[in-house]
């Protein structure tokens, strides 16, 4: 029966798409600034989750968006999809900087592997990290320590911890979750990060960084995600699709539960003389170079009046990471030459090899950016913003949870968290006087909703980066992480309802955080007992 359904699934999908196109064709109104603008990303997301194939799903979403924009003109669809979409996003300086950073980081990882640094660290970790829990906690600690930027966090933590988690038979899907859950959630509560800089830029009255710091205790989704991650690790709880991946990894040694899309085309034997320092030092150089690159892009070295915090708040992540990683690559090459670990010719061969390992992530990012361009051209942001502006002021103390839910939906549909709180923060500022306690809670709800939707969305660049960092199939990462993210989202929604009521009546909204932490831990404990019988059944 299941085999028949699988065979019929493409037919059902084709019929549904044709039905959508027919309905859109006979629609007499305008597609822009309406609910139609959200259709392309929703179709892409649903297709990706159903078919488990992300490339074609994203491309269909791009074509659908272009078709609506051109009002079913064949020539207009081609021009908008490729000229205004794919070609446009690949010529955008910010996007190119991120792609260069990806390629350079891939090359650095290849160099570290060939030099034997990764293997040496894996051997060291096998001696000092003796359990699956220890490996996961080490991943969480490293993820929390690299709070400068989520892109940098995802790829660095992944490259360092993959050998460790592999040795302890932790599935790549679980590693991708740990990476993703310590990327955006940590960055959105770290005052010195590219995310803090983005929030400071989006706030209209120049007090963005101050608002960011005040909103940290109310950023329930980010904080509770970290609590959730630590709790399920310490208690050994896995549920939903993740349970199957972890079970296969533990019992069969199958880390992927399927095909490894990131497998390298060229097998390389690591240098047996490599040491742990040959991994640690390049990572330190990379982190230092990227931080210097970030503050450089913020004017720290060119303007004597700009201090470190101001430079970071004004930084451009694309420029900073690109410059920092490029400088780090040169330093690392010189270091390995001095150490005599890799011949120069082999080093040059590692650069295109690093490119190859990042091709899946680059392709998905390109399509995701293009889909976002289609969504923007149809006015999705303006449509959501108008809905919020129209109904928000009448919702009173329920506004925090409504802003959180709207932020989740908008980030999920568009795949951009920065764009989401960039839309919602100015609206909240226009609705509230910033002296109102509800205002700070709603500002935080904007950021929390953006991170939550970003976590759940398969077209989110951070989610894509986490898949790349863990070298995990992207759809597997999305499907296994989704239930974990939704669990925290439900608890966060409860917290925003409670904090909204308390802030309105008693100005005690901050006490909701301990309640949320207790609810999260209680939920994990309950899930442990709920899933325990099924685990016993599997063992038998």
Protein backbone atom coordinates (compact mmCIF):
# COMPACT_ATOMS: atom_id res chain seq x y z
CA UNK A 1 0.00 0.00 0.00
CA UNK A 2 2.79 2.39 0.92
CA UNK A 3 4.63 1.62 -2.33
CA UNK A 4 1.50 2.46 -4.33
CA UNK A 5 1.10 5.75 -2.48
CA UNK A 6 4.74 6.61 -3.17
CA UNK A 7 4.23 5.96 -6.87
CA UNK A 8 1.06 8.07 -6.93
CA UNK A 9 2.59 10.92 -4.91
CA UNK A 10 4.13 12.69 -7.95
CA UNK A 11 0.73 12.54 -9.67
CA UNK A 12 -1.03 14.09 -6.66
CA UNK A 13 1.62 16.82 -6.43
CA UNK A 14 1.32 17.59 -10.15
CA UNK A 15 -2.49 17.79 -9.90
CA UNK A 16 -2.25 20.11 -6.89
CA UNK A 17 0.24 22.40 -8.67
CA UNK A 18 -1.93 22.52 -11.79
CA UNK A 19 -4.95 23.36 -9.62
CA UNK A 20 -3.04 26.20 -7.96
CA UNK A 21 -1.94 27.57 -11.33
CA UNK A 22 -5.50 27.42 -12.71
CA UNK A 23 -6.85 29.23 -9.64
CA UNK A 24 -4.14 31.87 -9.94
CA UNK A 25 -4.71 32.27 -13.70
CA UNK A 26 -8.42 33.01 -13.30
CA UNK A 27 -7.87 35.32 -10.32
CA UNK A 28 -8.91 38.79 -11.46
CA UNK A 29 -7.13 40.86 -8.81
CA UNK A 30 -3.52 41.87 -8.32
CA UNK A 31 -1.03 39.30 -7.05
CA UNK A 32 1.28 41.83 -5.37
CA UNK A 33 0.84 42.89 -1.74
CA UNK A 34 -1.73 40.12 -1.19
CA UNK A 35 -1.75 36.62 0.28
CA UNK A 36 -0.74 35.34 -3.18
CA UNK A 37 2.75 36.71 -2.45
CA UNK A 38 3.25 34.00 0.17
CA UNK A 39 2.28 31.16 -2.20
CA UNK A 40 5.70 30.54 -3.89
CA UNK A 41 7.69 29.97 -0.67
CA UNK A 42 4.89 27.90 0.84
CA UNK A 43 4.75 25.67 -2.25
CA UNK A 44 8.55 25.26 -2.18
CA UNK A 45 8.54 24.38 1.53
CA UNK A 46 5.70 21.87 1.25
CA UNK A 47 7.26 20.23 -1.81
CA UNK A 48 10.64 19.95 -0.07
CA UNK A 49 9.11 18.30 2.99
CA UNK A 50 6.98 15.90 0.92
CA UNK A 51 9.43 14.93 -1.82
CA UNK A 52 12.62 15.15 0.31
CA UNK A 53 14.21 16.89 -2.70
CA UNK A 54 15.16 20.49 -2.06
CA UNK A 55 16.68 21.66 -5.37
CA UNK A 56 13.65 21.07 -7.59
CA UNK A 57 11.29 22.27 -4.84
CA UNK A 58 13.06 25.62 -4.55
CA UNK A 59 13.25 25.99 -8.33
CA UNK A 60 9.51 25.32 -8.70
CA UNK A 61 8.87 28.02 -6.08
CA UNK A 62 11.06 30.45 -8.04
CA UNK A 63 9.23 29.73 -11.30
CA UNK A 64 5.83 30.04 -9.61
CA UNK A 65 6.79 33.41 -8.13
CA UNK A 66 8.05 34.64 -11.49
CA UNK A 67 4.88 33.39 -13.18
CA UNK A 68 2.64 35.31 -10.79
CA UNK A 69 4.78 38.44 -11.08
CA UNK A 70 4.67 38.38 -14.90
CA UNK A 71 0.97 37.43 -14.88
CA UNK A 72 1.60 34.18 -16.77
CA UNK A 73 3.78 35.71 -19.49
CA UNK A 74 6.32 33.11 -20.69
CA UNK A 75 8.95 35.69 -21.59
CA UNK A 76 8.29 37.66 -18.41
CA UNK A 77 8.58 34.52 -16.31
CA UNK A 78 11.99 33.64 -17.78
CA UNK A 79 13.31 37.19 -17.36
CA UNK A 80 12.10 37.57 -13.80
CA UNK A 81 13.22 34.10 -12.65
CA UNK A 82 16.71 34.33 -14.11
CA UNK A 83 17.57 38.02 -14.62
CA UNK A 84 15.82 39.43 -11.53
CA UNK A 85 16.23 36.22 -9.54
CA UNK A 86 19.20 33.89 -9.95
CA UNK A 87 21.50 36.28 -11.85
CA UNK A 88 20.59 39.18 -9.58
CA UNK A 89 21.30 37.40 -6.30
CA UNK A 90 24.59 36.02 -7.65
CA UNK A 91 25.70 39.54 -8.56
CA UNK A 92 24.75 41.04 -5.21
CA UNK A 93 27.97 41.98 -3.36
CA UNK A 94 26.67 40.81 0.01
CA UNK A 95 25.68 37.39 -1.33
CA UNK A 96 28.97 37.01 -3.23
CA UNK A 97 30.87 37.76 -0.03
CA UNK A 98 29.02 34.98 1.79
CA UNK A 99 29.71 32.54 -1.07
CA UNK A 100 33.41 33.45 -1.05
CA UNK A 101 33.46 32.87 2.71
CA UNK A 102 31.87 29.45 2.16
CA UNK A 103 34.42 28.45 -0.46
CA UNK A 104 37.39 29.67 1.58
CA UNK A 105 36.12 27.93 4.70
CA UNK A 106 35.65 24.71 2.73
CA UNK A 107 39.26 25.00 1.55
CA UNK A 108 40.50 25.61 5.11
CA UNK A 109 38.64 22.52 6.31
CA UNK A 110 40.23 20.45 3.53
CA UNK A 111 43.67 21.76 4.52
CA UNK A 112 43.10 20.89 8.17
CA UNK A 113 42.00 17.39 7.18
CA UNK A 114 45.04 16.82 4.94
CA UNK A 115 47.42 18.20 7.55
CA UNK A 116 46.10 15.64 10.03
CA UNK A 117 44.78 18.24 12.46
CA UNK A 118 41.20 16.96 12.36
CA UNK A 119 42.31 13.34 12.77
CA UNK A 120 44.59 14.28 15.69
CA UNK A 121 41.78 16.19 17.36
CA UNK A 122 39.46 13.23 16.82
CA UNK A 123 41.99 10.92 18.49
CA UNK A 124 42.42 13.36 21.37
CA UNK A 125 38.69 13.73 21.76
CA UNK A 126 38.22 9.97 21.74
CA UNK A 127 40.53 9.79 24.75
CA UNK A 128 39.13 12.77 26.65
CA UNK A 129 35.50 12.81 25.51
CA UNK A 130 34.36 9.30 26.39
CA UNK A 131 30.60 9.40 25.90
CA UNK A 132 27.93 10.50 23.45
CA UNK A 133 26.70 13.02 26.04
CA UNK A 134 30.20 14.47 26.38
CA UNK A 135 30.52 14.86 22.60
CA UNK A 136 27.18 16.64 22.39
CA UNK A 137 27.95 18.92 25.35
CA UNK A 138 31.31 19.80 23.77
CA UNK A 139 29.47 20.74 20.56
CA UNK A 140 27.02 22.91 22.52
CA UNK A 141 29.81 24.65 24.46
CA UNK A 142 31.78 25.39 21.28
CA UNK A 143 28.62 26.64 19.57
CA UNK A 144 27.86 28.99 22.45
CA UNK A 145 31.47 30.20 22.50
CA UNK A 146 31.38 31.24 18.81
CA UNK A 147 28.66 33.88 19.10
CA UNK A 148 30.07 36.41 16.65
CA UNK A 149 28.07 35.33 13.60
CA UNK A 150 25.67 32.48 12.81
CA UNK A 151 27.22 31.63 9.42
CA UNK A 152 30.67 31.44 10.97
CA UNK A 153 29.28 29.49 13.92
CA UNK A 154 27.59 26.82 11.76
CA UNK A 155 30.54 26.05 9.54
CA UNK A 156 33.27 26.30 12.18
CA UNK A 157 31.50 24.16 14.80
CA UNK A 158 30.62 21.61 12.14
CA UNK A 159 34.15 21.27 10.81
CA UNK A 160 35.65 20.94 14.30
CA UNK A 161 33.09 18.61 15.87
CA UNK A 162 32.28 16.24 12.99
CA UNK A 163 35.22 13.88 13.75
CA UNK A 164 34.24 13.80 17.43
CA UNK A 165 30.53 13.14 16.95
CA UNK A 166 31.25 10.58 14.22
CA UNK A 167 33.46 8.56 16.58
CA UNK A 168 30.66 8.50 19.17
CA UNK A 169 28.06 7.47 16.58
CA UNK A 170 26.01 10.64 16.78
CA UNK A 171 23.90 11.06 13.66
CA UNK A 172 24.64 13.95 11.32
CA UNK A 173 21.01 15.04 11.75
CA UNK A 174 21.57 15.42 15.52
CA UNK A 175 24.83 17.28 14.92
CA UNK A 176 23.04 19.62 12.50
CA UNK A 177 20.39 20.30 15.16
CA UNK A 178 23.01 21.07 17.81
CA UNK A 179 24.78 23.41 15.40
CA UNK A 180 21.59 25.18 14.33
CA UNK A 181 20.36 25.49 17.91
CA UNK A 182 23.60 27.21 18.99
CA UNK A 183 23.89 29.51 15.97
CA UNK A 184 21.03 31.99 15.66
CA UNK A 185 19.71 31.48 19.25
CA UNK A 186 23.12 32.36 20.71
CA UNK A 187 23.77 35.23 18.29
CA UNK A 188 20.36 36.81 18.99
CA UNK A 189 21.12 37.07 22.73
CA UNK A 190 24.80 38.11 22.37
CA UNK A 191 25.30 41.91 22.39
CA UNK A 192 28.56 41.53 20.45
CA UNK A 193 27.36 39.78 17.31
CA UNK A 194 26.32 40.52 13.76
CA UNK A 195 22.71 39.98 14.85
CA UNK A 196 22.93 42.69 17.50
CA UNK A 197 24.33 44.94 14.79
CA UNK A 198 21.37 44.13 12.55
CA UNK A 199 18.82 44.89 15.28
CA UNK A 200 20.59 48.16 16.05
CA UNK A 201 20.35 49.09 12.38
CA UNK A 202 16.64 48.21 12.10
CA UNK A 203 15.54 50.25 15.13
CA UNK A 204 14.36 53.63 13.92
CA UNK A 205 15.26 55.93 16.81
CA UNK A 206 18.96 55.13 17.16
CA UNK A 207 18.63 53.15 20.39
CA UNK A 208 18.74 49.74 18.75
CA UNK A 209 21.60 48.25 20.78
CA UNK A 210 19.99 49.45 24.00
CA UNK A 211 16.69 47.84 22.98
CA UNK A 212 18.53 44.65 22.06
CA UNK A 213 20.11 44.33 25.51
CA UNK A 214 16.84 45.11 27.32
CA UNK A 215 15.00 42.49 25.25
CA UNK A 216 17.41 39.61 26.03
CA UNK A 217 15.52 38.29 29.14
CA UNK A 218 12.30 38.17 27.10
CA UNK A 219 13.78 36.32 24.12
CA UNK A 220 12.13 33.11 25.25
CA UNK A 221 12.58 31.06 22.09
CA UNK A 222 16.35 31.61 21.93
CA UNK A 223 16.95 30.95 25.63
CA UNK A 224 14.56 28.00 25.84
CA UNK A 225 16.07 26.43 22.72
CA UNK A 226 19.41 26.28 24.54
CA UNK A 227 17.70 24.87 27.65
CA UNK A 228 15.90 22.29 25.49
CA UNK A 229 19.10 21.27 23.74
CA UNK A 230 21.03 20.76 27.00
CA UNK A 231 18.09 18.92 28.59
CA UNK A 232 17.59 16.39 25.79
CA UNK A 233 21.34 15.79 25.71
CA UNK A 234 21.73 15.17 29.45
CA UNK A 235 18.55 13.08 29.69
CA UNK A 236 19.19 11.17 26.45
CA UNK A 237 15.81 12.06 24.93
CA UNK A 238 15.13 11.84 21.20
CA UNK A 239 11.67 11.90 19.68
CA UNK A 240 9.97 12.30 16.35
CA UNK A 241 12.00 11.68 13.16
CA UNK A 242 15.23 12.35 15.07
CA UNK A 243 14.76 9.16 17.10
CA UNK A 244 15.11 7.00 13.99
CA UNK A 245 18.30 8.78 12.89
CA UNK A 246 19.87 8.46 16.34
CA UNK A 247 18.82 4.81 16.62
CA UNK A 248 20.40 3.98 13.26
CA UNK A 249 23.59 5.79 14.27
CA UNK A 250 23.87 4.00 17.63
CA UNK A 251 22.89 0.49 16.57
CA UNK A 252 24.05 0.31 12.94
CA UNK A 253 26.73 3.00 12.77
CA UNK A 254 24.69 4.64 9.98
CA UNK A 255 25.26 8.36 10.59
CA UNK A 256 23.15 9.51 7.65
CA UNK A 257 20.17 7.13 7.46
CA UNK A 258 20.45 7.65 3.74
CA UNK A 259 22.80 9.10 1.15
CA UNK A 260 25.67 11.42 2.13
CA UNK A 261 25.28 14.32 -0.31
CA UNK A 262 28.45 15.99 0.98
CA UNK A 263 30.82 13.11 0.35
CA UNK A 264 34.10 14.29 -1.19
CA UNK A 265 34.96 13.13 -4.67
CA UNK A 266 38.63 12.77 -3.80
CA UNK A 267 39.84 10.57 -0.97
CA UNK A 268 42.66 12.11 1.02
CA UNK A 269 44.87 10.43 3.59
CA UNK A 270 45.60 12.71 6.56
CA UNK A 271 49.19 13.29 7.57
CA UNK A 272 50.08 10.96 10.41
CA UNK A 273 52.35 13.65 11.90
CA UNK A 274 49.47 16.08 12.42
CA UNK A 275 48.81 17.31 15.96
CA UNK A 276 45.85 18.86 17.76
CA UNK A 277 47.53 22.26 17.49
CA UNK A 278 47.29 21.91 13.71
CA UNK A 279 43.52 22.16 14.09
CA UNK A 280 43.26 24.51 17.07
CA UNK A 281 45.67 27.16 15.80
CA UNK A 282 44.02 27.53 12.36
CA UNK A 283 40.60 27.81 14.05
CA UNK A 284 41.92 30.51 16.41
CA UNK A 285 43.48 32.33 13.46
CA UNK A 286 40.19 32.09 11.56
CA UNK A 287 38.12 33.40 14.49
CA UNK A 288 40.57 36.24 15.17
CA UNK A 289 40.79 37.22 11.50
CA UNK A 290 37.01 37.23 11.10
CA UNK A 291 36.50 39.38 14.21
CA UNK A 292 39.12 41.84 12.93
CA UNK A 293 37.41 41.75 9.53
CA UNK A 294 34.05 42.53 11.14
CA UNK A 295 35.30 45.56 13.07
CA UNK A 296 37.28 46.69 10.00
CA UNK A 297 34.06 46.76 7.99
CA UNK A 298 32.50 48.81 10.80
CA UNK A 299 35.16 51.54 10.54
CA UNK A 300 37.22 50.66 13.62
CA UNK A 301 40.59 51.24 11.90
CA UNK A 302 39.55 54.15 9.67
CA UNK A 303 37.75 56.36 12.20
CA UNK A 304 39.39 57.25 15.50
CA UNK A 305 35.99 58.08 17.04
CA UNK A 306 34.61 54.56 16.46
CA UNK A 307 35.09 52.19 19.40
CA UNK A 308 34.94 48.38 19.27
CA UNK A 309 31.23 48.09 20.16
CA UNK A 310 30.23 50.77 17.65
CA UNK A 311 32.36 49.17 14.93
CA UNK A 312 30.73 45.82 15.56
CA UNK A 313 27.25 47.33 15.48
CA UNK A 314 28.09 48.97 12.13
CA UNK A 315 29.84 45.92 10.68
CA UNK A 316 29.03 44.17 7.43
CA UNK A 317 29.10 40.41 8.03
CA UNK A 318 29.67 39.65 4.35
CA UNK A 319 32.74 41.88 4.02
CA UNK A 320 34.13 41.00 7.44
CA UNK A 321 33.84 37.24 7.00
CA UNK A 322 35.16 37.36 3.43
CA UNK A 323 38.22 39.45 4.30
CA UNK A 324 38.84 37.58 7.56
CA UNK A 325 38.64 34.11 6.01
CA UNK A 326 40.86 35.11 3.06
CA UNK A 327 43.59 36.43 5.37
CA UNK A 328 43.24 33.34 7.58
CA UNK A 329 43.67 31.05 4.55
CA UNK A 330 47.00 32.70 3.64
CA UNK A 331 48.26 32.49 7.23
CA UNK A 332 47.22 28.83 7.51
CA UNK A 333 48.96 27.94 4.25
CA UNK A 334 52.17 29.58 5.50
CA UNK A 335 51.84 27.78 8.85
CA UNK A 336 51.43 24.36 7.23
CA UNK A 337 54.38 25.06 4.93
CA UNK A 338 56.55 25.87 7.93
CA UNK A 339 55.33 22.71 9.69
CA UNK A 340 56.06 20.70 6.54
CA UNK A 341 52.75 18.84 6.74
CA UNK A 342 51.47 19.37 3.19
CA UNK A 343 53.35 20.05 -0.06
CA UNK A 344 52.44 23.37 -1.68
CA UNK A 345 50.96 21.63 -4.74
CA UNK A 346 48.64 19.61 -2.51
CA UNK A 347 47.57 22.79 -0.75
CA UNK A 348 46.53 24.35 -4.04
CA UNK A 349 44.59 21.20 -4.89
CA UNK A 350 42.69 21.55 -1.59
CA UNK A 351 41.22 24.90 -2.65
CA UNK A 352 38.99 23.56 -5.47
CA UNK A 353 38.35 20.46 -3.36
CA UNK A 354 36.94 22.74 -0.66
CA UNK A 355 34.77 24.36 -3.31
CA UNK A 356 33.35 20.95 -4.24
CA UNK A 357 32.36 20.18 -0.65
CA UNK A 358 30.38 23.42 -0.49
CA UNK A 359 28.56 23.06 -3.84
CA UNK A 360 25.34 21.65 -2.28
CA UNK A 361 25.16 24.53 0.21
CA UNK A 362 25.96 27.11 -2.48
CA UNK A 363 23.30 25.74 -4.81
CA UNK A 364 20.63 25.70 -2.08
CA UNK A 365 21.60 29.21 -0.93
CA UNK A 366 21.40 30.55 -4.48
CA UNK A 367 17.94 29.09 -4.99
CA UNK A 368 16.79 30.25 -1.54
CA UNK A 369 17.98 33.81 -2.21
CA UNK A 370 16.29 33.74 -5.62
CA UNK A 371 13.02 32.55 -4.07
CA UNK A 372 13.27 35.36 -1.54
CA UNK A 373 13.71 37.81 -4.44
CA UNK A 374 10.52 36.46 -6.01
CA UNK A 375 8.66 36.81 -2.72
CA UNK A 376 9.93 40.36 -2.23
CA UNK A 377 8.90 41.37 -5.74
CA UNK A 378 5.36 40.15 -5.00
CA UNK A 379 5.23 42.32 -1.87
CA UNK A 380 5.05 39.61 0.81
CA UNK A 381 6.71 41.85 3.39
CA UNK A 382 4.37 44.74 2.69
CA UNK A 383 1.33 42.44 2.92
CA UNK A 384 2.33 41.06 6.32
CA UNK A 385 3.37 44.49 7.58
CA UNK A 386 -0.01 45.98 6.62
CA UNK A 387 -1.85 43.16 8.40
CA UNK A 388 0.18 43.68 11.57
CA UNK A 389 -0.18 47.46 11.45
CA UNK A 390 -3.92 47.19 10.87
CA UNK A 391 -4.80 44.81 13.70
CA UNK A 392 -1.90 45.00 16.19
CA UNK A 393 -2.96 48.02 18.25
CA UNK A 394 -6.32 46.43 19.15
CA UNK A 395 -4.80 43.23 20.57
CA UNK A 396 -3.43 44.81 23.77
CA UNK A 397 -1.69 42.30 26.10
CA UNK A 398 -1.99 39.50 23.52
CA UNK A 399 0.23 41.48 21.19
CA UNK A 400 3.53 39.78 22.27
CA UNK A 401 2.30 36.29 21.36
CA UNK A 402 0.70 37.57 18.14
CA UNK A 403 3.92 39.30 17.11
CA UNK A 404 5.83 36.11 17.91
CA UNK A 405 3.48 33.96 15.78
CA UNK A 406 3.52 36.46 12.90
CA UNK A 407 7.32 36.58 13.09
CA UNK A 408 7.45 32.77 12.97
CA UNK A 409 5.20 32.62 9.93
CA UNK A 410 6.94 35.42 8.04
CA UNK A 411 10.44 34.00 8.66
CA UNK A 412 9.24 30.50 7.76
CA UNK A 413 7.73 31.68 4.48
CA UNK A 414 10.54 34.01 3.42
CA UNK A 415 13.52 32.17 4.93
CA UNK A 416 15.01 35.34 6.42
CA UNK A 417 15.12 36.19 10.10
CA UNK A 418 16.86 39.54 9.62
CA UNK A 419 14.25 40.61 7.10
CA UNK A 420 11.51 39.54 9.50
CA UNK A 421 12.56 41.57 12.50
CA UNK A 422 13.54 44.34 10.10
CA UNK A 423 9.86 44.56 9.20
CA UNK A 424 8.33 44.00 12.62
CA UNK A 425 10.59 46.06 14.92
CA UNK A 426 9.73 49.44 13.30
CA UNK A 427 6.03 48.51 13.43
CA UNK A 428 6.22 47.71 17.15
CA UNK A 429 8.04 50.99 17.74
CA UNK A 430 5.27 52.85 15.95
CA UNK A 431 2.55 51.10 17.99
CA UNK A 432 4.13 51.55 21.44
CA UNK A 433 5.88 54.18 23.47
CA UNK A 434 9.22 52.59 24.36
CA UNK A 435 8.60 53.36 28.06
CA UNK A 436 5.73 50.84 27.98
CA UNK A 437 6.91 47.44 29.37
CA UNK A 438 4.98 45.68 26.61
CA UNK A 439 7.13 47.41 24.00
CA UNK A 440 10.35 45.66 25.06
CA UNK A 441 8.57 42.30 25.26
CA UNK A 442 7.18 42.80 21.74
CA UNK A 443 10.60 43.83 20.40
CA UNK A 444 11.96 40.57 21.79
CA UNK A 445 8.98 38.66 20.36
CA UNK A 446 9.93 40.02 16.92
CA UNK A 447 13.43 38.59 17.23
CA UNK A 448 12.30 35.32 18.83
CA UNK A 449 9.66 34.73 16.16
CA UNK A 450 12.18 35.46 13.43
CA UNK A 451 14.63 32.90 14.85
CA UNK A 452 11.88 30.30 15.33
CA UNK A 453 10.56 30.62 11.77
CA UNK A 454 14.13 30.64 10.51
CA UNK A 455 14.78 27.35 12.34
CA UNK A 456 11.74 25.66 10.85
CA UNK A 457 12.19 26.89 7.28
CA UNK A 458 14.08 24.76 4.73
CA UNK A 459 14.82 27.88 2.68
CA UNK A 460 16.55 29.68 5.56
CA UNK A 461 20.22 30.41 4.93
CA UNK A 462 21.13 29.63 8.56
CA UNK A 463 19.40 26.25 8.33
CA UNK A 464 21.25 25.59 5.07
CA UNK A 465 24.55 26.55 6.72
CA UNK A 466 23.86 24.17 9.62
CA UNK A 467 23.28 21.35 7.13
CA UNK A 468 26.53 22.26 5.38
CA UNK A 469 28.45 22.49 8.65
CA UNK A 470 27.27 19.05 9.75
CA UNK A 471 27.49 17.72 6.16
CA UNK A 472 23.96 16.42 6.62
CA UNK A 473 21.25 16.07 3.98
CA UNK A 474 19.34 19.33 4.15
CA UNK A 475 15.82 17.90 4.11
CA UNK A 476 16.80 15.38 6.81
CA UNK A 477 18.01 18.25 8.99
CA UNK A 478 14.80 20.23 8.50
CA UNK A 479 12.48 17.29 9.12
CA UNK A 480 14.30 16.12 12.27
CA UNK A 481 14.67 19.59 13.76
CA UNK A 482 11.10 20.72 13.07
CA UNK A 483 9.41 18.93 15.98
CA UNK A 484 12.06 20.14 18.44
CA UNK A 485 11.62 23.73 17.25
CA UNK A 486 7.82 23.51 17.45
CA UNK A 487 8.02 22.17 21.01
CA UNK A 488 9.99 25.24 22.11
CA UNK A 489 7.72 27.49 20.03
CA UNK A 490 4.61 26.30 21.90
CA UNK A 491 6.26 26.89 25.28
CA UNK A 492 7.48 30.31 24.10
CA UNK A 493 3.95 31.23 23.03
CA UNK A 494 2.69 30.41 26.53
CA UNK A 495 5.47 32.55 27.99
CA UNK A 496 4.55 35.53 25.80
CA UNK A 497 0.90 35.30 26.85
CA UNK A 498 1.91 35.21 30.53
CA UNK A 499 4.55 37.95 30.23
CA UNK A 500 2.13 40.18 28.30
CA UNK A 501 -0.48 39.89 31.03
CA UNK A 502 2.06 40.40 33.83
CA UNK A 503 3.73 43.35 32.16
CA UNK A 504 0.36 45.07 31.61
CA UNK A 505 -0.93 44.58 35.13
CA UNK A 506 2.07 44.14 37.42
CA UNK A 507 5.17 45.04 35.38
CA UNK A 508 6.54 41.61 36.29
CA UNK A 509 6.98 40.12 32.84
CA UNK A 510 10.61 39.18 33.53
CA UNK A 511 9.59 36.46 36.00
CA UNK A 512 8.15 34.48 33.08
CA UNK A 513 11.61 33.24 32.04
CA UNK A 514 12.04 30.88 35.04
CA UNK A 515 8.54 29.59 34.34
CA UNK A 516 9.49 28.91 30.71
CA UNK A 517 12.69 27.12 31.75
CA UNK A 518 10.72 24.92 34.17
CA UNK A 519 8.14 24.12 31.48
CA UNK A 520 10.87 23.19 28.99
CA UNK A 521 12.63 20.84 31.39
CA UNK A 522 9.28 19.33 32.41
CA UNK A 523 8.39 18.77 28.75
CA UNK A 524 11.68 16.96 28.11
CA UNK A 525 11.19 14.76 31.18
CA UNK A 526 7.65 13.95 30.05
CA UNK A 527 8.90 13.11 26.56
CA UNK A 528 11.50 10.79 28.08
CA UNK A 529 8.77 8.74 29.75
CA UNK A 530 6.49 8.88 26.70
CA UNK A 531 9.18 7.62 24.31
CA UNK A 532 10.67 5.04 26.68
CA UNK A 533 8.27 2.16 25.88
CA UNK A 534 8.90 2.46 22.15
CA UNK A 535 12.65 2.32 22.77
CA UNK A 536 12.20 -0.96 24.70
CA UNK A 537 10.13 -2.37 21.89
CA UNK A 538 12.87 -1.56 19.40
CA UNK A 539 15.52 -3.23 21.57
CA UNK A 540 13.52 -6.42 21.74
